[in-house]
C-alpha atoms as a PDB file:
ATOM      1  CA  UNK A   1      19.790  35.082  32.265  1.00  0.00           C
ATOM      2  CA  UNK A   2      20.294  36.413  28.900  1.00  0.00           C
ATOM      3  CA  UNK A   3      20.926  33.672  27.288  1.00  0.00           C
ATOM      4  CA  UNK A   4      18.478  31.715  28.579  1.00  0.00           C
ATOM      5  CA  UNK A   5      15.921  34.429  27.490  1.00  0.00           C
ATOM      6  CA  UNK A   6      16.763  34.132  23.976  1.00  0.00           C
ATOM      7  CA  UNK A   7      17.080  30.923  24.025  1.00  0.00           C
ATOM      8  CA  UNK A   8      13.211  30.482  25.049  1.00  0.00           C
ATOM      9  CA  UNK A   9      10.387  30.461  22.984  1.00  0.00           C
ATOM     10  CA  UNK A  10       7.531  31.764  25.441  1.00  0.00           C
ATOM     11  CA  UNK A  11       6.480  35.428  25.867  1.00  0.00           C
ATOM     12  CA  UNK A  12       8.675  37.164  28.540  1.00  0.00           C
ATOM     13  CA  UNK A  13       7.128  40.653  30.022  1.00  0.00           C
ATOM     14  CA  UNK A  14      10.017  42.517  30.693  1.00  0.00           C
ATOM     15  CA  UNK A  15      10.076  46.079  32.586  1.00  0.00           C
ATOM     16  CA  UNK A  16      13.369  47.784  32.544  1.00  0.00           C
ATOM     17  CA  UNK A  17      15.334  51.048  31.729  1.00  0.00           C
ATOM     18  CA  UNK A  18      17.662  48.762  30.620  1.00  0.00           C
ATOM     19  CA  UNK A  19      18.652  48.537  26.618  1.00  0.00           C
ATOM     20  CA  UNK A  20      21.521  46.847  26.295  1.00  0.00           C
ATOM     21  CA  UNK A  21      19.321  43.875  27.894  1.00  0.00           C
ATOM     22  CA  UNK A  22      16.383  44.113  25.520  1.00  0.00           C
ATOM     23  CA  UNK A  23      19.106  44.832  22.664  1.00  0.00           C
ATOM     24  CA  UNK A  24      19.973  41.043  23.379  1.00  0.00           C
ATOM     25  CA  UNK A  25      16.890  39.414  24.656  1.00  0.00           C
ATOM     26  CA  UNK A  26      14.293  41.620  22.328  1.00  0.00           C
ATOM     27  CA  UNK A  27      12.917  39.697  19.003  1.00  0.00           C
ATOM     28  CA  UNK A  28       9.502  41.540  19.310  1.00  0.00           C
ATOM     29  CA  UNK A  29       8.592  44.094  21.584  1.00  0.00           C
ATOM     30  CA  UNK A  30       4.381  45.911  21.896  1.00  0.00           C
ATOM     31  CA  UNK A  31       4.242  48.951  22.951  1.00  0.00           C
ATOM     32  CA  UNK A  32       0.676  50.626  24.007  1.00  0.00           C
ATOM     33  CA  UNK A  33       0.713  54.506  22.308  1.00  0.00           C
ATOM     34  CA  UNK A  34      -2.369  56.453  23.127  1.00  0.00           C
ATOM     35  CA  UNK A  35      -4.742  53.768  23.893  1.00  0.00           C
ATOM     36  CA  UNK A  36      -2.970  51.627  20.718  1.00  0.00           C
ATOM     37  CA  UNK A  37      -1.261  48.936  19.895  1.00  0.00           C
ATOM     38  CA  UNK A  38       1.849  49.192  18.400  1.00  0.00           C
ATOM     39  CA  UNK A  39       4.087  46.033  17.581  1.00  0.00           C
ATOM     40  CA  UNK A  40       7.378  45.566  16.808  1.00  0.00           C
ATOM     41  CA  UNK A  41       9.644  42.972  15.765  1.00  0.00           C
ATOM     42  CA  UNK A  42      12.949  43.215  15.915  1.00  0.00           C
ATOM     43  CA  UNK A  43      15.556  43.465  19.790  1.00  0.00           C
ATOM     44  CA  UNK A  44      15.321  47.256  21.227  1.00  0.00           C
ATOM     45  CA  UNK A  45      16.762  49.915  18.262  1.00  0.00           C
ATOM     46  CA  UNK A  46      15.063  48.167  16.279  1.00  0.00           C
ATOM     47  CA  UNK A  47      12.326  49.121  17.528  1.00  0.00           C
ATOM     48  CA  UNK A  48      13.887  52.923  18.228  1.00  0.00           C
ATOM     49  CA  UNK A  49      14.137  52.243  14.364  1.00  0.00           C
ATOM     50  CA  UNK A  50      10.675  51.619  13.581  1.00  0.00           C
ATOM     51  CA  UNK A  51       8.743  54.007  15.768  1.00  0.00           C
ATOM     52  CA  UNK A  52      10.498  56.942  14.434  1.00  0.00           C
ATOM     53  CA  UNK A  53       9.624  56.448  10.763  1.00  0.00           C
ATOM     54  CA  UNK A  54       6.076  55.436  12.355  1.00  0.00           C
ATOM     55  CA  UNK A  55       5.611  58.689  14.143  1.00  0.00           C
ATOM     56  CA  UNK A  56       6.840  60.841  10.924  1.00  0.00           C
ATOM     57  CA  UNK A  57       4.787  59.586   8.982  1.00  0.00           C
ATOM     58  CA  UNK A  58       1.922  59.749  11.226  1.00  0.00           C
ATOM     59  CA  UNK A  59       2.728  63.387  10.932  1.00  0.00           C
ATOM     60  CA  UNK A  60       3.354  64.563   8.213  1.00  0.00           C
ATOM     61  CA  UNK A  61       0.003  62.385   8.300  1.00  0.00           C
ATOM     62  CA  UNK A  62      -1.772  65.287  10.413  1.00  0.00           C
ATOM     63  CA  UNK A  63      -0.471  68.530   8.838  1.00  0.00           C
ATOM     64  CA  UNK A  64      -2.160  66.850   5.357  1.00  0.00           C
ATOM     65  CA  UNK A  65      -5.143  67.264   7.387  1.00  0.00           C
ATOM     66  CA  UNK A  66      -4.931  70.171   9.024  1.00  0.00           C
ATOM     67  CA  UNK A  67      -4.284  72.106   6.004  1.00  0.00           C
END
């Protein structure tokens, strides 16, 4: 299944808790967070890294606004 999906050029919606599967198959991840859609290019590991950076920047902006 992973090999087939890795070659597939269409869109797939996958609901899974298998991070290894997502690392091997995903090339783009969309996340709905607090009513906003965020797109991340890359596999699941890259998504986690990029999301952590985004949340850190958002936290810094929120802290500045509250001062």
